[in-house]
Amino acid sequence: MKTKNILITGGCGFIGSNLVLHLAKKYPNYKLINLDLMTYASDASYLKTLKDNPNYIFVKGDIRDEKLVNKLFDEHNIDSVIHLAAESHVDNSIKRPLDFVTTNVVGTCVLLEAFRNKGNGRFHYVSTDEIYGTLGATGKFSETTPFDPNSPYSASKASGNFFVNAYSETYKLNVITTSCSNNYGPHQHREKLIPTIVRTALADKDIPIYGKGDNVRDWLFVEDHCVAIDEVFHNGKTGEIYNVGGDKELNNLELANKICDILDELKPKKTKYSEQLTFVEDRKGHDFRYAVDFSKIHNELNWNPTKDFEGKLRETIKWCIKNS
């Protein structure tokens, strides 16, 4: 697939910024147009190394703005889209569900329509394992697991999946989708779980743990995710979904204790950080467990997640300390 000009939405967010840096380094001849609304979760400073790169263009704007999106396609001769822009915090979706509907559903459709009329490359939709709902103590999500979202956030992302599939079937477009597990790594917003634990621990405040802390997540290092997106975007089969997992399941309490142990080493104090762990009222509709079967992307594209979870977690915590 010949690709030169890629529109990356949400490129100043956590995953997006890491992806922009990855692509700019690996494909210096690609033109990367980063469209980001610069909401509270965006941070352009992480991409400051690209400020003098003639093939990197930042545009502040809304994916729901049809006029702007079409203008960008025309001005930059955009052939492909990697769509990451989304409202993504579950707690916020419970408080303000309509924000998630307009951004994650309407915004996705605006992009698909522009791509249908003007693009000739590939449309890559970055989704989440949360579209599949929740698991019990055993089993994993596969690409054929029926969608069963339980939060406004996951419902809005699942809606995006359906529209991507509909555009593929109706208009025979070159679309592809990845659904990832929980990401962690440098440049993650302070509201997410790992930065929250580090931030509250260092501030000598209660470290909040939902319910009993037994909800399980599959943790994926963000740079591994970026490599997976790269591989699927360039080499994946049109119309397919690829699950991307970290192969590292931990419940929230286990993760919190690991972080506290590392903080005890990096920023020691008289008491253990784990003494600050505090159980709080559980999240509404809190999914019990996520686990991802990534055998498809492994078998077809030879992708695997990093095996050094402890090292990558330590790296992440050091970044959180430095940027706290």
Protein backbone atom coordinates (compact mmCIF):
# COMPACT_ATOMS: atom_id res chain seq x y z
CA MET A 1 0.00 0.00 0.00
CA LYS A 2 1.47 3.33 -1.10
CA THR A 3 0.88 5.90 1.61
CA LYS A 4 2.27 9.41 1.76
CA ASN A 5 -0.12 11.78 3.50
CA ILE A 6 -1.78 10.54 6.69
CA LEU A 7 -4.34 12.36 8.81
CA ILE A 8 -3.81 11.34 12.44
CA THR A 9 -6.64 12.41 14.72
CA GLY A 10 -5.98 12.95 18.40
CA GLY A 11 -2.24 13.09 17.82
CA CYS A 12 -1.64 15.18 20.94
CA GLY A 13 -3.26 12.62 23.21
CA PHE A 14 -1.50 9.81 25.04
CA ILE A 15 -1.51 7.08 22.40
CA GLY A 16 -1.64 9.55 19.52
CA SER A 17 1.48 11.47 20.50
CA ASN A 18 3.47 8.28 20.97
CA LEU A 19 2.23 7.09 17.57
CA VAL A 20 3.16 10.35 15.82
CA LEU A 21 6.69 10.12 17.21
CA HIS A 22 6.95 6.47 16.16
CA LEU A 23 5.78 7.13 12.58
CA ALA A 24 7.85 10.30 12.14
CA LYS A 25 11.00 8.40 13.08
CA LYS A 26 10.31 5.26 11.06
CA TYR A 27 8.82 6.91 7.97
CA PRO A 28 10.56 10.29 7.55
CA ASN A 29 9.11 10.76 4.05
CA TYR A 30 5.52 10.48 5.23
CA LYS A 31 3.54 13.67 5.69
CA LEU A 32 1.73 13.51 9.04
CA ILE A 33 -1.18 15.88 9.62
CA ASN A 34 -2.14 15.89 13.30
CA LEU A 35 -5.72 17.07 13.93
CA ASP A 36 -6.41 17.59 17.63
CA LEU A 37 -9.00 19.70 19.44
CA MET A 38 -6.59 20.29 22.33
CA THR A 39 -8.99 19.35 25.09
CA TYR A 40 -7.86 18.92 28.70
CA ALA A 41 -6.31 15.55 27.78
CA SER A 42 -4.14 16.91 24.95
CA ASP A 43 -0.54 18.07 25.27
CA ALA A 44 1.40 19.31 22.25
CA SER A 45 4.65 19.70 24.21
CA TYR A 46 5.37 15.97 23.93
CA LEU A 47 5.84 16.52 20.17
CA LYS A 48 8.17 19.52 20.45
CA THR A 49 10.98 17.56 18.77
CA LEU A 50 8.93 17.71 15.55
CA LYS A 51 8.44 21.49 15.49
CA ASP A 52 10.98 21.97 12.67
CA ASN A 53 9.99 18.84 10.77
CA PRO A 54 8.52 19.95 7.41
CA ASN A 55 6.56 16.71 7.13
CA TYR A 56 4.72 17.22 10.42
CA ILE A 57 1.73 19.57 10.46
CA PHE A 58 -0.35 20.33 13.53
CA VAL A 59 -3.93 21.56 13.14
CA LYS A 60 -6.09 22.54 16.08
CA GLY A 61 -9.61 21.52 15.22
CA ASP A 62 -12.61 19.30 15.78
CA ILE A 63 -13.19 16.00 13.98
CA ARG A 64 -16.90 16.89 14.04
CA ASP A 65 -16.24 19.93 11.82
CA GLU A 66 -17.10 18.67 8.33
CA LYS A 67 -15.87 21.82 6.59
CA LEU A 68 -12.48 21.67 8.30
CA VAL A 69 -12.00 17.95 7.76
CA ASN A 70 -12.77 18.21 4.06
CA LYS A 71 -10.50 21.24 3.74
CA LEU A 72 -7.62 19.28 5.26
CA PHE A 73 -8.14 16.43 2.81
CA ASP A 74 -7.97 18.88 -0.08
CA GLU A 75 -5.10 21.05 1.14
CA HIS A 76 -2.80 18.20 2.11
CA ASN A 77 -3.88 15.61 -0.45
CA ILE A 78 -4.65 13.20 2.40
CA ASP A 79 -4.95 9.61 1.27
CA SER A 80 -5.18 7.77 4.61
CA VAL A 81 -6.50 8.23 8.15
CA ILE A 82 -5.45 6.79 11.49
CA HIS A 83 -8.30 7.72 13.78
CA LEU A 84 -7.49 7.86 17.50
CA ALA A 85 -9.33 11.01 18.62
CA ALA A 86 -11.90 10.15 21.27
CA GLU A 87 -13.34 10.98 24.62
CA SER A 88 -11.97 8.03 26.55
CA HIS A 89 -12.36 8.36 30.32
CA VAL A 90 -15.14 6.06 31.55
CA ASP A 91 -15.91 8.17 34.63
CA ASN A 92 -16.44 11.21 32.42
CA SER A 93 -18.73 9.22 30.12
CA ILE A 94 -20.93 8.39 33.10
CA LYS A 95 -21.17 12.09 33.96
CA ARG A 96 -21.44 13.49 30.40
CA PRO A 97 -22.50 10.74 27.97
CA LEU A 98 -23.57 13.06 25.14
CA ASP A 99 -20.01 14.39 24.78
CA PHE A 100 -18.97 10.84 23.97
CA VAL A 101 -21.78 10.36 21.46
CA THR A 102 -20.94 13.48 19.48
CA THR A 103 -17.16 13.02 19.46
CA ASN A 104 -16.83 9.25 19.23
CA VAL A 105 -19.79 8.52 16.96
CA VAL A 106 -20.54 11.68 14.96
CA GLY A 107 -16.85 12.58 14.67
CA THR A 108 -16.01 9.13 13.36
CA CYS A 109 -18.75 9.39 10.75
CA VAL A 110 -17.52 12.81 9.60
CA LEU A 111 -14.08 11.32 9.03
CA LEU A 112 -15.44 8.26 7.26
CA GLU A 113 -17.50 10.41 4.92
CA ALA A 114 -14.54 12.62 4.04
CA PHE A 115 -12.41 9.53 3.44
CA ARG A 116 -15.14 7.99 1.27
CA ASN A 117 -15.22 11.06 -0.96
CA LYS A 118 -11.57 12.06 -0.99
CA GLY A 119 -9.27 9.33 0.33
CA ASN A 120 -7.67 6.55 -1.69
CA GLY A 121 -5.50 4.84 0.92
CA ARG A 122 -6.61 3.22 4.17
CA PHE A 123 -8.83 4.22 7.11
CA HIS A 124 -7.59 2.75 10.40
CA TYR A 125 -9.96 2.96 13.37
CA VAL A 126 -8.37 2.54 16.80
CA SER A 127 -10.92 0.99 19.16
CA THR A 128 -10.86 -0.64 22.60
CA ASP A 129 -11.40 -4.05 24.16
CA GLU A 130 -14.15 -2.48 26.25
CA ILE A 131 -16.55 -2.85 23.31
CA TYR A 132 -16.76 -6.56 24.17
CA GLY A 133 -18.15 -5.97 27.65
CA THR A 134 -16.83 -7.92 30.59
CA LEU A 135 -15.41 -11.36 31.33
CA GLY A 136 -15.66 -13.67 34.29
CA ALA A 137 -12.64 -15.31 35.87
CA THR A 138 -11.68 -17.18 32.69
CA GLY A 139 -11.64 -16.68 28.93
CA LYS A 140 -10.40 -13.95 26.59
CA PHE A 141 -11.88 -11.57 24.04
CA SER A 142 -11.34 -12.61 20.43
CA GLU A 143 -12.17 -10.69 17.27
CA THR A 144 -15.41 -12.69 16.98
CA THR A 145 -16.60 -11.94 20.52
CA PRO A 146 -20.01 -10.20 20.25
CA PHE A 147 -20.05 -6.54 21.25
CA ASP A 148 -21.62 -5.98 24.66
CA PRO A 149 -20.55 -2.52 25.91
CA ASN A 150 -21.50 -1.53 29.46
CA SER A 151 -20.53 2.15 29.72
CA PRO A 152 -21.40 5.19 27.61
CA TYR A 153 -17.73 5.30 26.58
CA SER A 154 -17.57 1.70 25.36
CA ALA A 155 -20.99 2.03 23.71
CA SER A 156 -19.79 5.06 21.76
CA LYS A 157 -16.64 3.24 20.64
CA ALA A 158 -18.65 0.18 19.63
CA SER A 159 -20.89 2.48 17.58
CA GLY A 160 -17.77 3.68 15.79
CA ASN A 161 -16.86 0.06 15.07
CA PHE A 162 -20.28 -0.53 13.54
CA PHE A 163 -20.03 2.53 11.30
CA VAL A 164 -16.52 1.57 10.14
CA ASN A 165 -17.83 -1.87 9.24
CA ALA A 166 -20.89 -0.38 7.54
CA TYR A 167 -18.74 1.89 5.38
CA SER A 168 -16.55 -1.08 4.52
CA GLU A 169 -19.49 -3.21 3.42
CA THR A 170 -21.59 -0.49 1.78
CA TYR A 171 -18.90 1.50 0.00
CA LYS A 172 -16.17 -1.18 -0.26
CA LEU A 173 -13.64 1.08 1.44
CA ASN A 174 -10.19 0.06 2.58
CA VAL A 175 -10.81 0.14 6.34
CA ILE A 176 -9.20 -1.73 9.19
CA THR A 177 -9.65 -1.76 12.97
CA THR A 178 -7.56 -2.48 16.05
CA SER A 179 -9.05 -3.03 19.50
CA CYS A 180 -6.55 -2.63 22.33
CA SER A 181 -6.37 -3.42 26.02
CA ASN A 182 -5.44 -0.89 28.75
CA ASN A 183 -2.44 1.21 27.72
CA TYR A 184 0.26 2.53 30.02
CA GLY A 185 3.47 4.46 29.49
CA PRO A 186 4.93 7.98 29.26
CA HIS A 187 2.68 10.96 28.59
CA GLN A 188 -0.53 9.45 29.95
CA HIS A 189 -3.00 11.95 31.38
CA ARG A 190 -3.07 12.35 35.15
CA GLU A 191 -6.68 11.13 35.41
CA LYS A 192 -5.81 7.56 34.36
CA LEU A 193 -5.13 4.82 36.91
CA ILE A 194 -1.32 4.58 37.00
CA PRO A 195 -0.67 8.35 37.00
CA THR A 196 -3.40 8.78 39.63
CA ILE A 197 -1.76 6.24 41.93
CA VAL A 198 1.67 7.87 41.53
CA ARG A 199 0.35 11.42 41.90
CA THR A 200 -1.73 10.78 45.02
CA ALA A 201 1.01 8.65 46.59
CA LEU A 202 3.63 11.39 46.19
CA ALA A 203 1.18 13.99 47.51
CA ASP A 204 0.75 11.86 50.66
CA LYS A 205 -2.97 11.52 49.96
CA ASP A 206 -5.27 8.52 49.98
CA ILE A 207 -4.70 6.34 46.91
CA PRO A 208 -8.23 5.55 45.66
CA ILE A 209 -9.03 1.95 44.70
CA TYR A 210 -12.51 1.19 43.35
CA GLY A 211 -14.53 -1.42 45.25
CA LYS A 212 -12.35 -4.26 46.51
CA GLY A 213 -9.65 -3.68 43.90
CA ASP A 214 -10.35 -7.04 42.27
CA ASN A 215 -11.25 -5.73 38.80
CA VAL A 216 -8.76 -7.17 36.30
CA ARG A 217 -7.17 -5.38 33.34
CA ASP A 218 -4.76 -6.51 30.62
CA TRP A 219 -1.89 -3.97 30.47
CA LEU A 220 -0.32 -2.98 27.14
CA PHE A 221 2.75 -0.74 26.87
CA VAL A 222 1.91 2.21 24.64
CA GLU A 223 4.97 1.82 22.41
CA ASP A 224 4.04 -1.82 21.79
CA HIS A 225 0.59 -0.57 20.79
CA CYS A 226 2.13 1.91 18.35
CA VAL A 227 4.14 -0.88 16.70
CA ALA A 228 0.93 -2.91 16.40
CA ILE A 229 -0.94 -0.01 14.79
CA ASP A 230 1.95 0.45 12.36
CA GLU A 231 1.94 -3.24 11.42
CA VAL A 232 -1.83 -3.47 11.00
CA PHE A 233 -2.09 -0.19 9.10
CA HIS A 234 0.56 -1.26 6.58
CA ASN A 235 0.09 -5.01 6.39
CA GLY A 236 -3.28 -6.00 7.86
CA LYS A 237 -6.10 -7.41 5.72
CA THR A 238 -8.74 -4.95 4.57
CA GLY A 239 -11.98 -5.06 6.55
CA GLU A 240 -10.48 -7.04 9.43
CA ILE A 241 -10.33 -6.39 13.17
CA TYR A 242 -7.13 -7.13 15.09
CA ASN A 243 -7.08 -7.35 18.89
CA VAL A 244 -3.97 -5.95 20.56
CA GLY A 245 -3.27 -7.13 24.11
CA GLY A 246 -0.44 -6.81 26.58
CA ASP A 247 -0.53 -10.36 27.94
CA LYS A 248 -0.25 -8.95 31.47
CA GLU A 249 -3.35 -9.36 33.61
CA LEU A 250 -3.43 -7.73 37.03
CA ASN A 251 -6.25 -6.68 39.28
CA ASN A 252 -6.21 -3.06 40.37
CA LEU A 253 -5.01 -3.81 43.88
CA GLU A 254 -2.10 -5.91 42.60
CA LEU A 255 -1.10 -3.12 40.23
CA ALA A 256 -1.36 -0.48 42.97
CA ASN A 257 0.86 -2.53 45.27
CA LYS A 258 3.46 -2.98 42.52
CA ILE A 259 3.52 0.78 41.96
CA CYS A 260 3.84 1.43 45.69
CA ASP A 261 6.76 -1.02 45.92
CA ILE A 262 8.58 0.76 43.09
CA LEU A 263 7.88 4.16 44.68
CA ASP A 264 9.34 2.85 47.94
CA GLU A 265 12.59 2.33 46.02
CA LEU A 266 12.56 5.46 43.88
CA LYS A 267 11.17 7.97 46.41
CA PRO A 268 11.59 6.37 49.85
CA LYS A 269 9.96 7.86 52.94
CA LYS A 270 9.41 6.79 56.54
CA THR A 271 6.24 4.82 55.81
CA LYS A 272 5.25 2.50 52.99
CA TYR A 273 3.21 4.03 50.18
CA SER A 274 0.89 1.02 50.32
CA GLU A 275 -0.38 2.31 53.65
CA GLN A 276 -2.14 5.07 51.68
CA LEU A 277 -4.26 2.61 49.69
CA THR A 278 -7.91 3.38 50.32
CA PHE A 279 -10.98 1.56 49.01
CA VAL A 280 -13.68 3.86 47.61
CA GLU A 281 -17.19 3.37 46.23
CA ASP A 282 -17.08 1.26 43.10
CA ARG A 283 -17.61 2.77 39.66
CA LYS A 284 -21.12 2.40 38.22
CA GLY A 285 -21.32 -0.56 35.84
CA HIS A 286 -17.68 -1.43 36.53
CA ASP A 287 -16.60 -4.24 34.17
CA PHE A 288 -15.00 -7.03 36.17
CA ARG A 289 -12.31 -8.30 33.82
CA TYR A 290 -10.76 -7.67 30.42
CA ALA A 291 -8.36 -10.08 28.71
CA VAL A 292 -7.38 -10.06 25.05
CA ASP A 293 -6.53 -12.92 22.73
CA PHE A 294 -4.00 -11.39 20.32
CA SER A 295 -3.17 -14.62 18.47
CA LYS A 296 -4.51 -13.22 15.19
CA ILE A 297 -2.10 -10.28 15.00
CA HIS A 298 0.70 -12.56 16.20
CA ASN A 299 0.02 -15.26 13.62
CA GLU A 300 -0.60 -12.93 10.67
CA LEU A 301 1.83 -10.08 11.41
CA ASN A 302 4.30 -11.61 13.87
CA TRP A 303 3.52 -8.98 16.53
CA ASN A 304 4.05 -9.60 20.25
CA PRO A 305 3.90 -7.30 23.29
CA THR A 306 6.95 -6.60 25.41
CA LYS A 307 7.76 -9.15 28.08
CA ASP A 308 9.41 -6.61 30.38
CA PHE A 309 6.32 -5.37 32.23
CA GLU A 310 8.20 -4.57 35.44
CA GLY A 311 10.81 -2.55 33.55
CA LYS A 312 8.26 -0.66 31.47
CA LEU A 313 6.15 0.04 34.56
CA ARG A 314 9.22 1.44 36.32
CA GLU A 315 9.98 3.59 33.26
CA THR A 316 6.39 4.88 33.34
CA ILE A 317 6.54 5.67 37.05
CA LYS A 318 9.80 7.58 36.58
CA TRP A 319 8.13 9.66 33.87
CA CYS A 320 5.15 10.32 36.17
CA ILE A 321 7.50 11.41 39.00
CA LYS A 322 9.42 13.75 36.69
CA ASN A 323 6.24 15.29 35.30
CA SER A 324 4.11 15.24 38.44
